[in-house]
Amino acid sequence: MMSYDEKILEELHAIKTILIITNNEKIDVIFNEVVNTVNRRKMWAMIDGVKMPKDIADSVGISVMAVSDFLKRVSEVGFVKYEPGKPPKKSITYTPAAWLEDTKEEK
């Protein structure tokens, strides 16, 4: 039998899924405006709540300032929670449908 907390988490997950589905096009538009280069896609993929901006910069081969600017922008639209000195964490775990299509075409 599920605990009360597990039931709440399950219901919240269902609500999150519904919100993502119903707002899919709006989210895609914002992603296309903010995550609009190959490097920004790489940065997005690396945000995991553990890696610091310097780690991301080193892996992508760009400056820490570029990562900080990107983190500021994705924080402004609500996709990431970021406080300087702490690793950034995604607020939304979402991949635009076009990115998935790109992945299929590469195979």
C-alpha atoms as a PDB file:
ATOM      1  CA  MET A   1       0.000   0.000   0.000  1.00  0.00           C
ATOM      2  CA  MET A   2       1.295   3.448  -0.939  1.00  0.00           C
ATOM      3  CA  SER A   3       2.068   5.912   1.802  1.00  0.00           C
ATOM      4  CA  TYR A   4       0.371   9.294   1.896  1.00  0.00           C
ATOM      5  CA  ASP A   5       3.601  10.995   0.739  1.00  0.00           C
ATOM      6  CA  GLU A   6       3.964   8.571  -2.176  1.00  0.00           C
ATOM      7  CA  LYS A   7       0.375   9.274  -3.237  1.00  0.00           C
ATOM      8  CA  ILE A   8       1.017  13.015  -3.158  1.00  0.00           C
ATOM      9  CA  LEU A   9       4.200  12.636  -5.210  1.00  0.00           C
ATOM     10  CA  GLU A  10       2.398  10.457  -7.737  1.00  0.00           C
ATOM     11  CA  GLU A  11      -0.393  13.020  -8.078  1.00  0.00           C
ATOM     12  CA  LEU A  12       2.098  15.884  -8.437  1.00  0.00           C
ATOM     13  CA  HIS A  13       3.893  13.952 -11.163  1.00  0.00           C
ATOM     14  CA  ALA A  14       0.583  13.479 -13.004  1.00  0.00           C
ATOM     15  CA  ILE A  15      -0.189  17.201 -12.727  1.00  0.00           C
ATOM     16  CA  LYS A  16       3.301  18.078 -13.993  1.00  0.00           C
ATOM     17  CA  THR A  17       2.849  15.768 -16.975  1.00  0.00           C
ATOM     18  CA  ILE A  18      -0.507  17.335 -17.843  1.00  0.00           C
ATOM     19  CA  LEU A  19       0.940  20.842 -17.599  1.00  0.00           C
ATOM     20  CA  ILE A  20       3.865  19.963 -19.860  1.00  0.00           C
ATOM     21  CA  ILE A  21       1.599  18.340 -22.430  1.00  0.00           C
ATOM     22  CA  THR A  22      -0.883  21.220 -22.481  1.00  0.00           C
ATOM     23  CA  ASN A  23       1.852  23.852 -22.685  1.00  0.00           C
ATOM     24  CA  ASN A  24       4.181  21.946 -25.010  1.00  0.00           C
ATOM     25  CA  GLU A  25       4.101  24.521 -27.818  1.00  0.00           C
ATOM     26  CA  LYS A  26       4.678  27.457 -25.468  1.00  0.00           C
ATOM     27  CA  ILE A  27       7.611  25.687 -23.825  1.00  0.00           C
ATOM     28  CA  ASP A  28       9.105  24.881 -27.247  1.00  0.00           C
ATOM     29  CA  VAL A  29       8.925  28.552 -28.248  1.00  0.00           C
ATOM     30  CA  ILE A  30      10.766  29.648 -25.112  1.00  0.00           C
ATOM     31  CA  PHE A  31      13.378  26.897 -25.505  1.00  0.00           C
ATOM     32  CA  ASN A  32      13.991  27.933 -29.099  1.00  0.00           C
ATOM     33  CA  GLU A  33      14.541  31.519 -27.964  1.00  0.00           C
ATOM     34  CA  VAL A  34      16.822  30.693 -25.042  1.00  0.00           C
ATOM     35  CA  VAL A  35      18.552  27.426 -25.904  1.00  0.00           C
ATOM     36  CA  ASN A  36      19.288  28.443 -29.468  1.00  0.00           C
ATOM     37  CA  THR A  37      22.841  27.288 -30.209  1.00  0.00           C
ATOM     38  CA  VAL A  38      24.736  24.017 -30.126  1.00  0.00           C
ATOM     39  CA  ASN A  39      26.748  25.205 -27.107  1.00  0.00           C
ATOM     40  CA  ARG A  40      23.594  26.192 -25.254  1.00  0.00           C
ATOM     41  CA  ARG A  41      22.087  22.773 -25.943  1.00  0.00           C
ATOM     42  CA  LYS A  42      25.244  21.197 -24.549  1.00  0.00           C
ATOM     43  CA  MET A  43      25.049  23.417 -21.473  1.00  0.00           C
ATOM     44  CA  TRP A  44      21.378  22.521 -20.995  1.00  0.00           C
ATOM     45  CA  ALA A  45      22.196  18.828 -21.196  1.00  0.00           C
ATOM     46  CA  MET A  46      24.924  19.188 -18.562  1.00  0.00           C
ATOM     47  CA  ILE A  47      22.804  20.942 -15.937  1.00  0.00           C
ATOM     48  CA  ASP A  48      22.287  18.186 -13.403  1.00  0.00           C
ATOM     49  CA  GLY A  49      22.280  19.829  -9.974  1.00  0.00           C
ATOM     50  CA  VAL A  50      25.848  18.619  -9.365  1.00  0.00           C
ATOM     51  CA  LYS A  51      28.124  20.243 -11.949  1.00  0.00           C
ATOM     52  CA  MET A  52      29.279  23.768 -11.246  1.00  0.00           C
ATOM     53  CA  PRO A  53      29.389  26.399 -14.012  1.00  0.00           C
ATOM     54  CA  LYS A  54      33.165  25.951 -14.333  1.00  0.00           C
ATOM     55  CA  ASP A  55      32.689  22.209 -14.942  1.00  0.00           C
ATOM     56  CA  ILE A  56      30.128  22.966 -17.630  1.00  0.00           C
ATOM     57  CA  ALA A  57      32.365  25.606 -19.219  1.00  0.00           C
ATOM     58  CA  ASP A  58      35.344  23.255 -19.297  1.00  0.00           C
ATOM     59  CA  SER A  59      33.302  20.435 -20.831  1.00  0.00           C
ATOM     60  CA  VAL A  60      31.713  22.618 -23.504  1.00  0.00           C
ATOM     61  CA  GLY A  61      34.931  24.545 -24.195  1.00  0.00           C
ATOM     62  CA  ILE A  62      33.576  28.003 -23.453  1.00  0.00           C
ATOM     63  CA  SER A  63      34.115  30.661 -20.797  1.00  0.00           C
ATOM     64  CA  VAL A  64      32.587  30.557 -17.340  1.00  0.00           C
ATOM     65  CA  MET A  65      31.096  33.970 -18.146  1.00  0.00           C
ATOM     66  CA  ALA A  66      29.227  32.466 -21.136  1.00  0.00           C
ATOM     67  CA  VAL A  67      27.838  29.735 -18.875  1.00  0.00           C
ATOM     68  CA  SER A  68      26.867  32.306 -16.237  1.00  0.00           C
ATOM     69  CA  ASP A  69      25.066  34.406 -18.853  1.00  0.00           C
ATOM     70  CA  PHE A  70      23.200  31.332 -20.066  1.00  0.00           C
ATOM     71  CA  LEU A  71      22.287  30.306 -16.513  1.00  0.00           C
ATOM     72  CA  LYS A  72      20.994  33.802 -15.836  1.00  0.00           C
ATOM     73  CA  ARG A  73      18.787  33.647 -18.931  1.00  0.00           C
ATOM     74  CA  VAL A  74      17.348  30.181 -18.268  1.00  0.00           C
ATOM     75  CA  SER A  75      16.788  31.198 -14.645  1.00  0.00           C
ATOM     76  CA  GLU A  76      14.832  34.268 -15.783  1.00  0.00           C
ATOM     77  CA  VAL A  77      12.399  32.094 -17.753  1.00  0.00           C
ATOM     78  CA  GLY A  78      12.094  29.640 -14.864  1.00  0.00           C
ATOM     79  CA  PHE A  79      13.815  26.622 -16.419  1.00  0.00           C
ATOM     80  CA  VAL A  80      16.695  26.551 -13.918  1.00  0.00           C
ATOM     81  CA  LYS A  81      17.253  27.383 -10.279  1.00  0.00           C
ATOM     82  CA  TYR A  82      20.672  28.917  -9.867  1.00  0.00           C
ATOM     83  CA  GLU A  83      22.442  30.675  -7.037  1.00  0.00           C
ATOM     84  CA  PRO A  84      26.082  31.690  -7.537  1.00  0.00           C
ATOM     85  CA  GLY A  85      28.346  29.306  -5.652  1.00  0.00           C
ATOM     86  CA  LYS A  86      25.891  26.431  -5.994  1.00  0.00           C
ATOM     87  CA  PRO A  87      25.372  24.022  -8.895  1.00  0.00           C
ATOM     88  CA  PRO A  88      22.472  24.932 -11.183  1.00  0.00           C
ATOM     89  CA  LYS A  89      19.452  22.640 -11.125  1.00  0.00           C
ATOM     90  CA  LYS A  90      16.742  22.286 -13.755  1.00  0.00           C
ATOM     91  CA  SER A  91      13.270  23.334 -12.646  1.00  0.00           C
ATOM     92  CA  ILE A  92      11.820  21.621 -15.674  1.00  0.00           C
ATOM     93  CA  THR A  93      12.993  18.334 -17.110  1.00  0.00           C
ATOM     94  CA  TYR A  94      11.978  18.828 -20.688  1.00  0.00           C
ATOM     95  CA  THR A  95      13.394  18.151 -24.106  1.00  0.00           C
ATOM     96  CA  PRO A  96      11.754  19.870 -27.087  1.00  0.00           C
ATOM     97  CA  ALA A  97      10.261  17.452 -29.608  1.00  0.00           C
ATOM     98  CA  ALA A  98      12.491  18.856 -32.382  1.00  0.00           C
ATOM     99  CA  TRP A  99      15.571  17.826 -30.390  1.00  0.00           C
ATOM    100  CA  LEU A 100      14.268  14.286 -30.215  1.00  0.00           C
ATOM    101  CA  GLU A 101      13.680  14.333 -33.976  1.00  0.00           C
ATOM    102  CA  ASP A 102      17.268  15.566 -34.485  1.00  0.00           C
ATOM    103  CA  THR A 103      18.498  12.614 -32.430  1.00  0.00           C
ATOM    104  CA  LYS A 104      16.479  10.153 -34.534  1.00  0.00           C
ATOM    105  CA  GLU A 105      17.891  11.605 -37.768  1.00  0.00           C
ATOM    106  CA  GLU A 106      21.497  11.284 -36.524  1.00  0.00           C
ATOM    107  CA  LYS A 107      21.175   7.505 -36.020  1.00  0.00           C
END
